[in-house]
């Protein structure tokens, strides 16, 4: 396979790696907060945990978006080669 636009390909790799790192580091924290027993704490801590959980969900959504964007950029950098072949 030949990469037509190398800059776009490497930007795609960087964005993909960034998305993977966000997913890897946030997922265990989300699992911990989902499995935490609520009977052990008071209401104030529950509200704080819930706000942390919401922020983590936003972060993991951004991570998934970056992951998909990185894959898309890499595919686009490879498909530009095929565009020239069909013209």
C-alpha atoms as a PDB file:
ATOM      1  CA  UNK A   1       0.000   0.000   0.000  1.00  0.00           C
ATOM      2  CA  UNK A   2       1.219   3.429  -0.880  1.00  0.00           C
ATOM      3  CA  UNK A   3       0.339   6.426   1.267  1.00  0.00           C
ATOM      4  CA  UNK A   4      -0.544   9.400  -0.908  1.00  0.00           C
ATOM      5  CA  UNK A   5      -0.803  12.024   1.836  1.00  0.00           C
ATOM      6  CA  UNK A   6       1.760  11.172   4.515  1.00  0.00           C
ATOM      7  CA  UNK A   7       0.994  14.214   6.668  1.00  0.00           C
ATOM      8  CA  UNK A   8      -2.676  13.258   6.911  1.00  0.00           C
ATOM      9  CA  UNK A   9      -1.703   9.660   7.683  1.00  0.00           C
ATOM     10  CA  UNK A  10       0.582  10.640  10.572  1.00  0.00           C
ATOM     11  CA  UNK A  11      -1.979  13.081  11.968  1.00  0.00           C
ATOM     12  CA  UNK A  12      -4.448  10.187  11.845  1.00  0.00           C
ATOM     13  CA  UNK A  13      -2.039   7.980  13.785  1.00  0.00           C
ATOM     14  CA  UNK A  14      -1.520  10.667  16.450  1.00  0.00           C
ATOM     15  CA  UNK A  15      -5.271  11.255  16.833  1.00  0.00           C
ATOM     16  CA  UNK A  16      -5.873   7.489  16.956  1.00  0.00           C
ATOM     17  CA  UNK A  17      -3.257   7.014  19.693  1.00  0.00           C
ATOM     18  CA  UNK A  18      -4.676   9.928  21.682  1.00  0.00           C
ATOM     19  CA  UNK A  19      -8.163   8.415  21.486  1.00  0.00           C
ATOM     20  CA  UNK A  20      -6.871   5.001  22.561  1.00  0.00           C
ATOM     21  CA  UNK A  21      -5.062   6.494  25.565  1.00  0.00           C
ATOM     22  CA  UNK A  22      -8.162   8.364  26.692  1.00  0.00           C
ATOM     23  CA  UNK A  23     -10.258   5.198  26.423  1.00  0.00           C
ATOM     24  CA  UNK A  24      -7.674   3.047  28.218  1.00  0.00           C
ATOM     25  CA  UNK A  25      -7.295   5.414  31.162  1.00  0.00           C
ATOM     26  CA  UNK A  26     -10.961   6.389  31.603  1.00  0.00           C
ATOM     27  CA  UNK A  27     -12.681   3.013  31.203  1.00  0.00           C
ATOM     28  CA  UNK A  28     -11.396   1.458  34.479  1.00  0.00           C
ATOM     29  CA  UNK A  29     -12.412   4.572  36.412  1.00  0.00           C
ATOM     30  CA  UNK A  30     -15.921   4.382  34.962  1.00  0.00           C
ATOM     31  CA  UNK A  31     -16.164   0.701  35.892  1.00  0.00           C
ATOM     32  CA  UNK A  32     -15.030   1.499  39.436  1.00  0.00           C
ATOM     33  CA  UNK A  33     -17.661   4.196  39.857  1.00  0.00           C
ATOM     34  CA  UNK A  34     -20.388   1.973  38.414  1.00  0.00           C
ATOM     35  CA  UNK A  35     -19.538  -0.886  40.797  1.00  0.00           C
ATOM     36  CA  UNK A  36     -19.131   1.290  43.905  1.00  0.00           C
ATOM     37  CA  UNK A  37     -21.676   0.519  46.587  1.00  0.00           C
ATOM     38  CA  UNK A  38     -23.738   3.584  47.422  1.00  0.00           C
ATOM     39  CA  UNK A  39     -24.572   2.430  50.951  1.00  0.00           C
ATOM     40  CA  UNK A  40     -21.030   3.156  52.143  1.00  0.00           C
ATOM     41  CA  UNK A  41     -21.119   6.915  51.672  1.00  0.00           C
ATOM     42  CA  UNK A  42     -23.233   9.939  52.408  1.00  0.00           C
ATOM     43  CA  UNK A  43     -25.255  11.986  49.910  1.00  0.00           C
ATOM     44  CA  UNK A  44     -22.607  14.665  49.416  1.00  0.00           C
ATOM     45  CA  UNK A  45     -20.063  12.122  48.232  1.00  0.00           C
ATOM     46  CA  UNK A  46     -22.670  10.533  45.980  1.00  0.00           C
ATOM     47  CA  UNK A  47     -23.268  13.855  44.245  1.00  0.00           C
ATOM     48  CA  UNK A  48     -19.512  14.336  43.800  1.00  0.00           C
ATOM     49  CA  UNK A  49     -19.123  10.809  42.443  1.00  0.00           C
ATOM     50  CA  UNK A  50     -21.988  11.367  40.043  1.00  0.00           C
ATOM     51  CA  UNK A  51     -20.413  14.561  38.695  1.00  0.00           C
ATOM     52  CA  UNK A  52     -17.081  12.759  38.268  1.00  0.00           C
ATOM     53  CA  UNK A  53     -18.903   9.926  36.502  1.00  0.00           C
ATOM     54  CA  UNK A  54     -20.551  12.391  34.119  1.00  0.00           C
ATOM     55  CA  UNK A  55     -17.197  14.029  33.294  1.00  0.00           C
ATOM     56  CA  UNK A  56     -15.629  10.624  32.671  1.00  0.00           C
ATOM     57  CA  UNK A  57     -18.475   9.691  30.332  1.00  0.00           C
ATOM     58  CA  UNK A  58     -17.882  12.896  28.353  1.00  0.00           C
ATOM     59  CA  UNK A  59     -14.142  12.164  28.220  1.00  0.00           C
ATOM     60  CA  UNK A  60     -14.639   8.609  26.998  1.00  0.00           C
ATOM     61  CA  UNK A  61     -17.079   9.847  24.345  1.00  0.00           C
ATOM     62  CA  UNK A  62     -14.435  12.309  23.152  1.00  0.00           C
ATOM     63  CA  UNK A  63     -11.881   9.480  23.198  1.00  0.00           C
ATOM     64  CA  UNK A  64     -14.096   7.301  21.024  1.00  0.00           C
ATOM     65  CA  UNK A  65     -14.634  10.231  18.673  1.00  0.00           C
ATOM     66  CA  UNK A  66     -10.885  10.805  18.381  1.00  0.00           C
ATOM     67  CA  UNK A  67     -10.341   7.082  17.778  1.00  0.00           C
ATOM     68  CA  UNK A  68     -12.871   7.023  14.935  1.00  0.00           C
ATOM     69  CA  UNK A  69     -11.528  10.297  13.506  1.00  0.00           C
ATOM     70  CA  UNK A  70      -7.980   8.893  13.520  1.00  0.00           C
ATOM     71  CA  UNK A  71      -9.088   5.787  11.643  1.00  0.00           C
ATOM     72  CA  UNK A  72     -11.002   7.962   9.190  1.00  0.00           C
ATOM     73  CA  UNK A  73      -7.997  10.180   8.515  1.00  0.00           C
ATOM     74  CA  UNK A  74      -5.795   7.157   7.918  1.00  0.00           C
ATOM     75  CA  UNK A  75      -8.314   5.656   5.492  1.00  0.00           C
ATOM     76  CA  UNK A  76      -8.716   8.950   3.637  1.00  0.00           C
ATOM     77  CA  UNK A  77      -4.945   9.235   3.245  1.00  0.00           C
ATOM     78  CA  UNK A  78      -4.922   5.768   1.674  1.00  0.00           C
ATOM     79  CA  UNK A  79      -8.008   6.241  -0.518  1.00  0.00           C
ATOM     80  CA  UNK A  80      -6.674   9.320  -2.278  1.00  0.00           C
ATOM     81  CA  UNK A  81      -4.319   6.971  -4.073  1.00  0.00           C
ATOM     82  CA  UNK A  82      -7.239   4.986  -5.464  1.00  0.00           C
ATOM     83  CA  UNK A  83      -9.012   8.157  -6.652  1.00  0.00           C
ATOM     84  CA  UNK A  84      -6.188   8.870  -9.083  1.00  0.00           C
ATOM     85  CA  UNK A  85      -6.275   5.309 -10.406  1.00  0.00           C
ATOM     86  CA  UNK A  86      -9.928   5.540 -11.483  1.00  0.00           C
ATOM     87  CA  UNK A  87      -9.608   8.889 -13.312  1.00  0.00           C
END
